[in-house]
Protein backbone atom coordinates (compact mmCIF):
# COMPACT_ATOMS: atom_id res chain seq x y z
CA MET A 1 -6.90 -63.73 -10.97
CA LYS A 2 -7.35 -64.37 -7.13
CA HIS A 3 -4.21 -62.49 -6.39
CA ALA A 4 -5.17 -59.61 -8.60
CA LYS A 5 -8.42 -59.23 -6.79
CA ILE A 6 -6.56 -59.09 -3.65
CA ARG A 7 -4.00 -56.64 -4.69
CA ALA A 8 -6.53 -53.92 -5.71
CA PRO A 9 -8.02 -53.45 -2.26
CA ILE A 10 -4.50 -53.48 -0.78
CA ALA A 11 -3.46 -50.90 -3.28
CA ARG A 12 -6.53 -48.72 -2.37
CA LEU A 13 -5.90 -49.23 1.25
CA GLY A 14 -2.24 -48.03 0.81
CA ALA A 15 -3.22 -44.99 -0.97
CA GLU A 16 -5.78 -44.16 1.75
CA SER A 17 -2.96 -44.66 4.29
CA ILE A 18 -0.69 -42.31 2.45
CA LEU A 19 -3.51 -39.59 2.22
CA GLU A 20 -4.35 -39.74 5.81
CA SER A 21 -0.56 -39.51 6.88
CA ILE A 22 0.22 -36.27 4.89
CA SER A 23 -0.10 -32.77 6.23
CA ASP A 24 -1.63 -31.28 3.11
CA GLY A 25 -5.36 -31.27 2.74
CA VAL A 26 -6.75 -33.46 -0.13
CA PHE A 27 -10.26 -33.89 -1.39
CA THR A 28 -11.70 -35.37 -4.67
CA VAL A 29 -14.82 -34.70 -6.46
CA ASP A 30 -16.75 -36.63 -9.12
CA ALA A 31 -18.08 -35.35 -12.39
CA ASP A 32 -21.00 -33.61 -10.58
CA TRP A 33 -18.71 -31.66 -8.33
CA ARG A 34 -19.56 -33.67 -5.30
CA ILE A 35 -17.00 -34.61 -2.65
CA THR A 36 -15.81 -38.30 -2.86
CA ALA A 37 -12.91 -38.44 -0.61
CA PHE A 38 -11.72 -35.88 2.27
CA ASN A 39 -8.54 -36.64 4.27
CA ARG A 40 -7.73 -36.01 7.84
CA ALA A 41 -5.53 -32.84 7.06
CA ALA A 42 -8.62 -31.50 5.05
CA GLU A 43 -10.74 -31.83 8.15
CA GLU A 44 -8.15 -30.03 10.34
CA ILE A 45 -7.62 -27.06 7.99
CA THR A 46 -11.27 -26.47 7.14
CA GLY A 47 -12.91 -27.54 10.39
CA VAL A 48 -15.49 -29.61 8.53
CA PRO A 49 -15.82 -33.18 9.77
CA ARG A 50 -15.53 -35.85 6.70
CA ARG A 51 -18.95 -37.21 7.18
CA ASP A 52 -20.31 -33.68 6.66
CA ALA A 53 -18.15 -33.22 3.54
CA ILE A 54 -18.61 -36.51 1.66
CA GLY A 55 -21.49 -36.31 -1.04
CA ARG A 56 -21.68 -32.45 -0.85
CA PRO A 57 -20.84 -30.09 -3.52
CA CYS A 58 -17.26 -28.85 -2.89
CA SER A 59 -18.14 -25.09 -3.00
CA GLU A 60 -20.34 -25.71 0.05
CA VAL A 61 -17.44 -27.36 1.97
CA PHE A 62 -14.28 -25.73 0.58
CA ARG A 63 -15.04 -22.19 0.83
CA ALA A 64 -12.14 -20.45 -1.07
CA SER A 65 -11.70 -16.97 -2.48
CA MET A 66 -11.31 -18.51 -5.91
CA CYS A 67 -14.46 -20.69 -5.91
CA GLU A 68 -16.86 -18.03 -7.53
CA ALA A 69 -14.51 -16.03 -10.02
CA ASP A 70 -11.65 -18.34 -10.71
CA CYS A 71 -12.06 -22.02 -9.48
CA ALA A 72 -8.59 -23.72 -9.89
CA LEU A 73 -10.04 -27.30 -10.04
CA ARG A 74 -12.67 -26.19 -12.72
CA ARG A 75 -10.01 -24.61 -14.74
CA THR A 76 -8.08 -27.88 -14.72
CA MET A 77 -10.99 -29.86 -15.60
CA ARG A 78 -11.74 -27.69 -18.52
CA THR A 79 -8.11 -27.31 -19.90
CA GLY A 80 -6.71 -30.57 -18.73
CA LYS A 81 -3.80 -28.64 -17.33
CA PRO A 82 -2.92 -28.84 -13.54
CA VAL A 83 -2.65 -25.96 -11.29
CA ILE A 84 0.53 -25.74 -9.12
CA ASN A 85 0.63 -23.76 -5.83
CA GLN A 86 -1.87 -21.03 -6.52
CA SER A 87 -2.39 -18.45 -3.64
CA ALA A 88 -5.88 -18.26 -2.21
CA PHE A 89 -7.62 -18.24 1.23
CA ILE A 90 -10.59 -20.26 2.72
CA VAL A 91 -13.01 -19.50 5.22
CA SER A 92 -13.05 -22.30 7.93
CA ALA A 93 -16.19 -23.53 9.60
CA ASP A 94 -15.43 -21.21 12.70
CA GLY A 95 -15.16 -18.28 10.37
CA ARG A 96 -11.26 -17.77 10.33
CA ARG A 97 -9.64 -16.58 7.14
CA ILE A 98 -6.88 -19.07 6.33
CA PRO A 99 -4.20 -18.49 3.51
CA ILE A 100 -3.60 -21.52 1.59
CA SER A 101 -1.74 -22.69 -1.69
CA VAL A 102 -3.78 -24.92 -4.08
CA SER A 103 -2.64 -27.62 -6.57
CA THR A 104 -5.07 -29.48 -8.72
CA ALA A 105 -5.18 -32.53 -11.07
CA ILE A 106 -7.65 -34.60 -13.15
CA LEU A 107 -8.75 -38.10 -12.07
CA ARG A 108 -9.05 -40.82 -14.72
CA ASP A 109 -10.20 -44.51 -14.60
CA GLU A 110 -8.04 -47.35 -15.78
CA ARG A 111 -9.33 -46.61 -19.33
CA GLY A 112 -8.17 -43.00 -19.32
CA ARG A 113 -11.69 -41.46 -19.01
CA VAL A 114 -12.14 -38.37 -16.86
CA ILE A 115 -14.23 -39.28 -13.68
CA GLY A 116 -13.43 -36.36 -11.54
CA GLY A 117 -10.83 -34.00 -9.97
CA ALA A 118 -8.44 -33.88 -6.99
CA GLU A 119 -7.34 -30.79 -5.14
CA THR A 120 -4.48 -30.51 -2.46
CA PHE A 121 -4.26 -27.31 -0.39
CA ARG A 122 -1.60 -26.36 2.18
CA ASP A 123 -2.12 -24.19 5.22
CA LEU A 124 0.22 -21.26 4.97
CA THR A 125 -0.87 -19.61 8.33
CA LEU A 126 2.64 -20.05 9.79
CA VAL A 127 4.37 -18.82 6.75
CA GLU A 128 2.05 -15.78 6.58
CA GLU A 129 2.62 -14.99 10.33
CA LEU A 130 6.44 -15.31 9.80
CA ARG A 131 6.13 -12.97 6.62
CA LYS A 132 4.28 -10.51 8.72
CA GLU A 133 6.83 -10.68 11.50
CA LEU A 134 9.59 -9.89 9.07
CA GLU A 135 7.56 -7.14 7.30
CA GLY A 136 6.83 -5.70 10.72
CA ARG A 137 10.07 -4.03 10.69
CA PHE A 138 9.09 -2.24 7.56
CA GLN A 139 5.37 -1.30 8.50
CA VAL A 140 3.71 0.98 10.95
CA GLY A 141 -0.10 0.83 10.72
CA ASP A 142 -0.83 1.23 6.79
CA LEU A 143 2.70 2.99 6.23
CA VAL A 144 4.92 0.54 4.43
CA SER A 145 8.59 1.36 3.68
CA ARG A 146 12.25 0.00 3.74
CA SER A 147 13.86 3.21 2.84
CA ALA A 148 16.19 4.72 5.17
CA ALA A 149 14.34 7.99 5.45
CA MET A 150 11.13 6.33 6.46
CA GLN A 151 12.91 3.96 8.78
CA ARG A 152 14.23 6.95 10.64
CA ILE A 153 10.69 8.15 11.10
CA PHE A 154 9.47 4.57 12.12
CA GLU A 155 12.32 4.66 14.88
CA VAL A 156 11.17 7.67 16.62
CA LEU A 157 7.33 7.09 16.18
CA PRO A 158 6.97 5.27 19.67
CA GLN A 159 8.51 8.19 21.47
CA VAL A 160 6.48 10.74 19.49
CA ALA A 161 3.40 8.79 20.25
CA ALA A 162 4.17 8.55 23.92
CA SER A 163 4.19 12.18 24.37
CA ASP A 164 1.39 14.69 24.00
CA ALA A 165 3.45 17.04 22.10
CA THR A 166 2.05 18.87 18.86
CA VAL A 167 3.20 17.25 15.60
CA LEU A 168 3.78 18.84 12.34
CA ILE A 169 3.93 16.55 9.45
CA HIS A 170 5.34 17.81 6.07
CA GLY A 171 5.07 16.22 2.72
CA GLU A 172 3.77 16.33 -0.82
CA THR A 173 0.18 15.46 -1.58
CA GLY A 174 -0.28 11.74 -1.49
CA THR A 175 2.79 10.73 0.61
CA GLY A 176 0.50 9.42 3.52
CA LYS A 177 0.46 12.26 5.98
CA GLU A 178 -3.07 11.09 7.38
CA LEU A 179 -1.71 7.71 7.66
CA LEU A 180 1.23 8.87 9.57
CA ALA A 181 -1.05 10.77 11.95
CA ARG A 182 -3.36 7.74 12.43
CA ALA A 183 -0.22 5.71 13.24
CA ILE A 184 1.04 8.19 15.87
CA HIS A 185 -2.65 8.15 17.40
CA ASN A 186 -2.97 4.23 17.29
CA LEU A 187 0.52 3.99 19.24
CA SER A 188 -0.40 6.53 21.79
CA ALA A 189 -2.39 6.31 25.07
CA ARG A 190 -5.15 8.13 23.40
CA LYS A 191 -5.72 5.06 20.96
CA LEU A 192 -9.15 4.22 22.50
CA LYS A 193 -10.38 7.61 21.94
CA PRO A 194 -11.63 9.17 18.67
CA PHE A 195 -9.25 10.27 15.90
CA VAL A 196 -10.89 13.11 14.07
CA ALA A 197 -9.59 14.34 10.77
CA VAL A 198 -10.40 17.96 9.18
CA HIS A 199 -9.24 19.02 5.71
CA CYS A 200 -8.67 22.81 6.52
CA GLY A 201 -8.15 23.78 2.92
CA ALA A 202 -11.47 22.46 1.80
CA LEU A 203 -13.64 24.74 3.95
CA PRO A 204 -14.13 28.57 3.91
CA ASP A 205 -13.58 30.27 7.11
CA THR A 206 -17.09 30.55 8.53
CA LEU A 207 -17.60 26.78 7.90
CA LEU A 208 -14.22 25.75 9.28
CA GLU A 209 -14.81 27.55 12.49
CA SER A 210 -18.14 25.91 13.24
CA GLU A 211 -16.81 22.43 12.15
CA LEU A 212 -13.89 22.87 14.50
CA PHE A 213 -15.60 24.48 17.47
CA GLY A 214 -19.22 23.80 17.07
CA TYR A 215 -21.95 26.22 17.55
CA VAL A 216 -24.91 26.81 19.84
CA LYS A 217 -28.62 27.21 19.06
CA GLY A 218 -29.35 30.61 17.60
CA ALA A 219 -25.83 31.34 16.61
CA PHE A 220 -26.87 32.06 13.15
CA THR A 221 -29.91 31.58 10.86
CA GLY A 222 -30.75 28.01 10.58
CA ALA A 223 -28.80 27.08 13.86
CA GLY A 224 -31.98 25.33 15.44
CA LYS A 225 -30.02 23.33 17.96
CA ASP A 226 -26.55 23.04 19.49
CA LYS A 227 -23.87 21.32 17.27
CA PRO A 228 -20.67 19.88 18.91
CA GLY A 229 -17.46 20.71 16.85
CA ARG A 230 -14.57 18.27 15.97
CA PHE A 231 -12.68 19.23 19.06
CA ALA A 232 -15.50 18.31 21.25
CA LEU A 233 -16.04 15.01 19.22
CA ALA A 234 -12.37 14.19 19.53
CA GLU A 235 -12.41 14.64 23.40
CA GLY A 236 -9.64 12.47 24.91
CA GLY A 237 -8.24 11.66 21.39
CA THR A 238 -6.66 13.32 18.49
CA VAL A 239 -7.55 16.06 15.87
CA PHE A 240 -5.74 15.99 12.69
CA LEU A 241 -5.50 19.36 10.88
CA ASP A 242 -4.66 18.46 7.45
CA GLU A 243 -3.42 21.29 5.01
CA ILE A 244 -2.97 23.80 7.94
CA GLY A 245 -1.08 26.08 5.60
CA ASP A 246 -4.17 26.83 3.77
CA ILE A 247 -6.24 28.56 6.62
CA SER A 248 -6.72 32.31 6.92
CA PRO A 249 -4.88 34.73 9.38
CA ALA A 250 -8.17 35.08 11.36
CA MET A 251 -8.49 31.23 11.71
CA GLN A 252 -4.87 31.19 12.71
CA ILE A 253 -5.54 33.24 15.64
CA ARG A 254 -8.25 31.07 17.04
CA LEU A 255 -6.12 27.96 16.43
CA LEU A 256 -3.16 29.82 18.24
CA ARG A 257 -5.39 30.01 21.49
CA ILE A 258 -6.39 26.50 21.43
CA LEU A 259 -2.82 25.39 20.98
CA GLN A 260 -1.56 27.84 23.81
CA GLU A 261 -4.48 27.63 26.46
CA LYS A 262 -6.36 24.40 25.30
CA THR A 263 -9.56 26.27 25.38
CA TYR A 264 -12.12 27.49 22.79
CA GLU A 265 -15.70 28.88 22.44
CA PRO A 266 -18.37 27.47 20.26
CA LEU A 267 -19.84 29.81 17.67
CA GLY A 268 -22.22 32.02 19.30
CA SER A 269 -21.34 31.02 22.96
CA THR A 270 -19.68 32.99 25.57
CA GLU A 271 -18.89 29.88 27.44
CA THR A 272 -15.14 28.76 27.33
CA ARG A 273 -14.53 25.13 27.04
CA ARG A 274 -11.45 23.07 27.63
CA ALA A 275 -10.20 20.66 24.99
CA ASP A 276 -8.43 17.53 26.12
CA VAL A 277 -7.06 16.72 22.62
CA ARG A 278 -3.69 16.15 20.94
CA ILE A 279 -3.28 18.09 17.68
CA ILE A 280 -1.46 16.81 14.80
CA ALA A 281 -1.11 19.27 11.70
CA ALA A 282 -0.06 18.44 8.28
CA THR A 283 0.85 20.61 5.30
CA HIS A 284 2.50 20.14 1.70
CA ARG A 285 3.40 23.95 1.78
CA ASP A 286 6.62 25.58 2.90
CA LEU A 287 5.55 27.37 5.98
CA ALA A 288 8.78 29.17 6.50
CA LEU A 289 8.23 30.76 3.05
CA LEU A 290 4.79 31.67 3.99
CA ILE A 291 5.94 33.44 7.18
CA ARG A 292 8.43 35.48 5.06
CA LYS A 293 5.46 36.40 2.75
CA GLY A 294 3.37 37.37 5.80
CA SER A 295 0.57 34.86 5.06
CA PHE A 296 1.42 32.67 8.05
CA ARG A 297 1.89 33.64 11.71
CA GLU A 298 5.29 32.86 13.05
CA ASP A 299 4.03 32.23 16.67
CA LEU A 300 1.51 29.69 15.33
CA PHE A 301 4.32 28.07 13.35
CA TYR A 302 6.49 27.72 16.42
CA ARG A 303 3.50 26.23 18.34
CA LEU A 304 2.81 23.59 15.68
CA ASN A 305 6.42 22.92 14.92
CA VAL A 306 7.31 21.14 18.25
CA VAL A 307 7.95 17.74 16.58
CA LYS A 308 8.37 18.02 12.82
CA LEU A 309 8.28 14.82 10.61
CA ASP A 310 9.19 15.09 6.87
CA LEU A 311 7.57 12.39 4.61
CA PRO A 312 9.83 11.92 1.42
CA PRO A 313 8.10 11.68 -1.90
CA LEU A 314 7.85 8.28 -3.35
CA ARG A 315 10.15 9.24 -6.35
CA LYS A 316 12.89 9.60 -3.60
CA ARG A 317 12.28 6.11 -2.20
CA LYS A 318 11.67 4.01 -5.32
CA GLU A 319 12.99 0.90 -3.34
CA ASP A 320 9.62 0.97 -1.59
CA ILE A 321 7.66 0.37 -4.89
CA PRO A 322 7.85 -3.50 -4.99
CA LEU A 323 6.90 -3.57 -1.19
CA LEU A 324 4.00 -1.02 -1.59
CA VAL A 325 2.81 -3.09 -4.70
CA GLU A 326 2.62 -6.27 -2.72
CA HIS A 327 0.86 -4.40 0.11
CA PHE A 328 -1.68 -2.85 -2.31
CA VAL A 329 -2.23 -6.43 -4.01
CA ALA A 330 -2.83 -8.09 -0.70
CA ARG A 331 -5.23 -5.28 0.35
CA PHE A 332 -7.37 -5.37 -2.91
CA ASN A 333 -7.34 -9.33 -2.78
CA ARG A 334 -8.84 -9.05 0.70
CA ARG A 335 -11.45 -6.15 -0.38
CA GLN A 336 -12.62 -7.76 -3.60
CA GLY A 337 -12.20 -11.41 -2.89
CA LYS A 338 -9.80 -11.93 -5.73
CA SER A 339 -6.60 -14.06 -5.91
CA VAL A 340 -4.39 -11.87 -8.03
CA ALA A 341 -0.92 -13.49 -7.67
CA GLY A 342 1.36 -10.20 -8.03
CA VAL A 343 2.78 -8.26 -10.67
CA ALA A 344 4.66 -9.50 -13.87
CA PRO A 345 8.39 -8.43 -14.16
CA GLU A 346 7.78 -6.24 -17.20
CA ALA A 347 4.79 -4.56 -15.27
CA LEU A 348 6.99 -4.00 -12.17
CA ALA A 349 9.91 -2.41 -14.31
CA LEU A 350 7.25 0.08 -15.67
CA LEU A 351 6.06 0.83 -12.24
CA MET A 352 9.64 1.36 -11.09
CA ALA A 353 10.40 3.75 -13.90
CA HIS A 354 7.39 5.99 -13.23
CA ASP A 355 8.06 9.41 -11.05
CA TYR A 356 4.60 9.54 -9.19
CA PRO A 357 3.71 13.07 -9.11
CA GLY A 358 0.76 11.86 -7.02
CA ASN A 359 3.06 9.76 -4.75
CA VAL A 360 1.91 6.65 -2.85
CA ARG A 361 -1.71 7.55 -3.64
CA GLU A 362 -1.00 7.38 -7.27
CA LEU A 363 0.51 4.04 -6.99
CA GLU A 364 -2.41 2.85 -5.13
CA ASN A 365 -4.78 4.00 -7.90
CA ILE A 366 -2.91 2.32 -10.39
CA ILE A 367 -2.96 -0.99 -8.66
CA GLU A 368 -6.72 -0.63 -8.03
CA ARG A 369 -7.15 0.16 -11.62
CA ALA A 370 -5.24 -2.97 -12.60
CA PHE A 371 -7.45 -5.09 -10.35
CA VAL A 372 -10.57 -3.82 -12.34
CA LEU A 373 -8.98 -5.12 -15.48
CA CYS A 374 -7.14 -8.14 -14.25
CA GLY A 375 -9.60 -11.13 -13.57
CA GLY A 376 -6.71 -13.34 -12.00
CA GLY A 377 -3.15 -14.42 -12.31
CA ARG A 378 -0.78 -11.48 -12.38
CA ILE A 379 -1.10 -7.85 -13.15
CA GLU A 380 0.67 -7.49 -16.73
CA ARG A 381 1.70 -4.64 -18.75
CA ALA A 382 -1.68 -4.43 -20.46
CA HIS A 383 -3.44 -3.79 -17.02
CA LEU A 384 -1.37 -0.70 -16.45
CA PRO A 385 -2.42 3.15 -17.49
CA PRO A 386 -1.31 4.47 -20.70
CA GLU A 387 0.98 7.00 -19.07
CA LEU A 388 3.14 3.99 -17.88
CA THR A 389 2.85 1.89 -20.94
CA GLY A 390 3.15 4.38 -23.81
CA GLY A 391 -0.32 3.91 -24.94
CA PRO A 392 -2.44 6.55 -26.87
CA SER A 393 -2.27 9.13 -24.14
CA GLY A 394 1.15 8.23 -22.68
CA SER A 395 4.77 8.51 -23.66
CA ALA A 396 6.67 5.66 -25.08
CA VAL A 397 8.57 3.52 -22.54
CA THR A 398 10.99 0.87 -24.17
CA LEU A 399 11.91 -2.08 -22.18
CA PRO A 400 13.49 -5.38 -23.19
CA ALA A 401 11.03 -7.98 -23.97
CA GLY A 402 10.86 -10.98 -21.58
CA GLY A 403 14.07 -11.38 -19.42
CA SER A 404 14.39 -11.62 -15.64
CA LEU A 405 13.00 -9.10 -13.18
CA ALA A 406 16.74 -8.05 -12.56
CA ASP A 407 17.03 -7.19 -16.35
CA GLN A 408 13.72 -5.26 -16.44
CA ILE A 409 14.69 -3.06 -13.43
CA ARG A 410 18.22 -2.49 -14.91
CA ALA A 411 16.56 -1.31 -18.04
CA ALA A 412 14.13 0.96 -16.30
CA GLU A 413 17.00 2.40 -14.05
CA ALA A 414 19.03 3.14 -17.22
CA GLN A 415 16.14 4.92 -18.91
CA ALA A 416 15.28 6.94 -15.68
CA ILE A 417 19.01 8.27 -15.49
CA ARG A 418 19.11 9.13 -19.17
CA ALA A 419 15.92 11.06 -18.85
CA ALA A 420 17.16 12.90 -15.75
CA LEU A 421 20.42 13.69 -17.49
CA GLU A 422 18.68 14.92 -20.46
CA GLN A 423 16.36 17.21 -18.43
CA CYS A 424 19.20 18.66 -16.45
CA GLY A 425 21.27 19.37 -19.80
CA GLY A 426 23.97 16.70 -18.81
CA ASN A 427 24.51 18.14 -15.32
CA ARG A 428 25.10 14.81 -13.31
CA LEU A 429 25.04 16.49 -9.91
CA ALA A 430 21.51 18.04 -10.77
CA ALA A 431 20.36 14.65 -12.24
CA ALA A 432 21.31 12.96 -9.07
CA ARG A 433 19.31 15.38 -6.93
CA ALA A 434 16.36 14.89 -9.33
CA LEU A 435 16.49 11.20 -8.95
CA GLY A 436 16.87 11.58 -5.04
CA LEU A 437 20.28 9.96 -5.14
CA HIS A 438 23.70 11.07 -3.80
CA LYS A 439 25.97 11.95 -6.66
CA SER A 440 28.42 9.06 -6.03
CA THR A 441 25.45 6.70 -5.98
CA LEU A 442 24.45 7.83 -9.41
CA PHE A 443 28.06 7.47 -10.74
CA ARG A 444 28.21 3.96 -9.25
CA LYS A 445 24.87 3.13 -10.91
CA ILE A 446 26.05 4.54 -14.26
CA ASN A 447 29.05 2.38 -13.89
CA ALA A 448 27.40 -0.83 -12.88
CA LEU A 449 24.86 -0.39 -15.79
CA GLY A 450 27.59 0.17 -18.27
CA MET A 451 26.00 3.40 -19.58
CA GLU A 452 27.84 5.32 -22.12
CA LEU A 453 27.33 9.06 -21.43
CA PRO A 454 28.69 12.19 -23.14
CA GLU A 455 32.00 13.32 -21.85
CA ARG A 456 30.67 16.85 -21.32
CA ASP A 457 29.10 17.60 -17.93
CA GLY A 458 26.39 20.16 -17.80
CA ARG A 459 28.12 21.93 -15.02
CA THR A 460 31.56 22.20 -17.11
CA GLY A 461 29.79 24.34 -19.80
CA ARG A 462 28.21 26.70 -17.21
CA LYS A 463 31.41 27.06 -15.36
CA GLN A 464 33.37 27.85 -18.58
CA ALA A 465 30.56 30.56 -19.43
CA GLU A 466 30.74 31.93 -16.04
CA ARG A 467 34.54 32.17 -16.15
CA ALA A 468 34.40 33.96 -19.64
CA LYS A 469 31.77 36.29 -18.34
CA ARG A 470 33.97 37.34 -15.43
CA GLY A 471 36.86 37.88 -17.99
CA ARG A 472 34.51 40.10 -19.96
CA ASP A 473 33.53 42.06 -16.97
CA LYS A 474 37.00 42.67 -15.81
CA LYS A 475 37.84 44.09 -19.11
């Protein structure tokens, strides 16, 4: 018996030594959620001394993103199931946000009765920094991409930003034209000065003129005092003119002057003012076509088109979807204080299969909607909108149940190829264009997926019809 009494303290001392020697933070709580043990690593990671932690409620000491909404330890105590490596972040004693992974377990006495719980947590700061360093190759500001087309834009951005040349950004709605303009500004020598954005298509001429150039007191009824315009507010910085293709011919003349001479006059003033600003313009419209129609000035186009950057739509860079999803999940986790772990394979396959007429903005809205419905864990199929899942207001999407992520993506690719071929009447070249692929890439994918397609190509039928028509015309 004496030996048994001696061995117990020794065992406890051995356990304490082990806890003190490991690099993971460990704390234990009793049935009232008060901390009963707090190891050295827990002190270092949280910045809270052990003497200040022992006896206090764990939520006051271990300030994690999951404490309020989805406490991992509370879930373990309720269900009896451990949590393994759940992602979260804590706020340290000095206010730093530290990414961690959390694991939990139940503590029982020698009779098997629950007496509390234990939580271990690992500091992932170095892992996060390495991840950001690797992702830095695929991200500029809030623009995230690994596609070849976007990488070519990323490569020239430092040179574009270093100059003061006017930039014209072309891209469909929702592709991130303003994000690209902000990235250019933030990389430039003007980054400490204002970035001022104006949506030209949203304002009638009279309002747009006063917004851009300002007005003086008495310029019109109600003008009780001078008001600076956006060019004055952006002095030394950048003015971003969004949807430049929607402005009237009269406004085009005024903009041409500021581009040529860097001068303007506020509404109602005879005083000419200089504008030390860089101009970045953007449009989703084909300005060359507008010139041919006579609705856009050719001289203004050439003034704007010094450096042109074309942003591809999301349907032509679908390889970016997983990266963008991860980016948006991390953003909404930070904003909403949640710990959503990511997207389930079936949900990601549905996201990959969608064409995104609203481009990156549409994908962001889909993820934000999923966050509203998803309390924790992963974003599942049920959290996606009906147009993706085939619900009451969406078209049916058939994907294999379960399976690996690779299987889900293969099924989504096959479905997208079949839909494109059907839409293009079997014309594989047209289908490749619709999918944003080179024709040889499409053929390789068809072979790799083992797809059985009709022998008849849509082009063949048209060529035969054209040959027959030519024969009839000769007769």
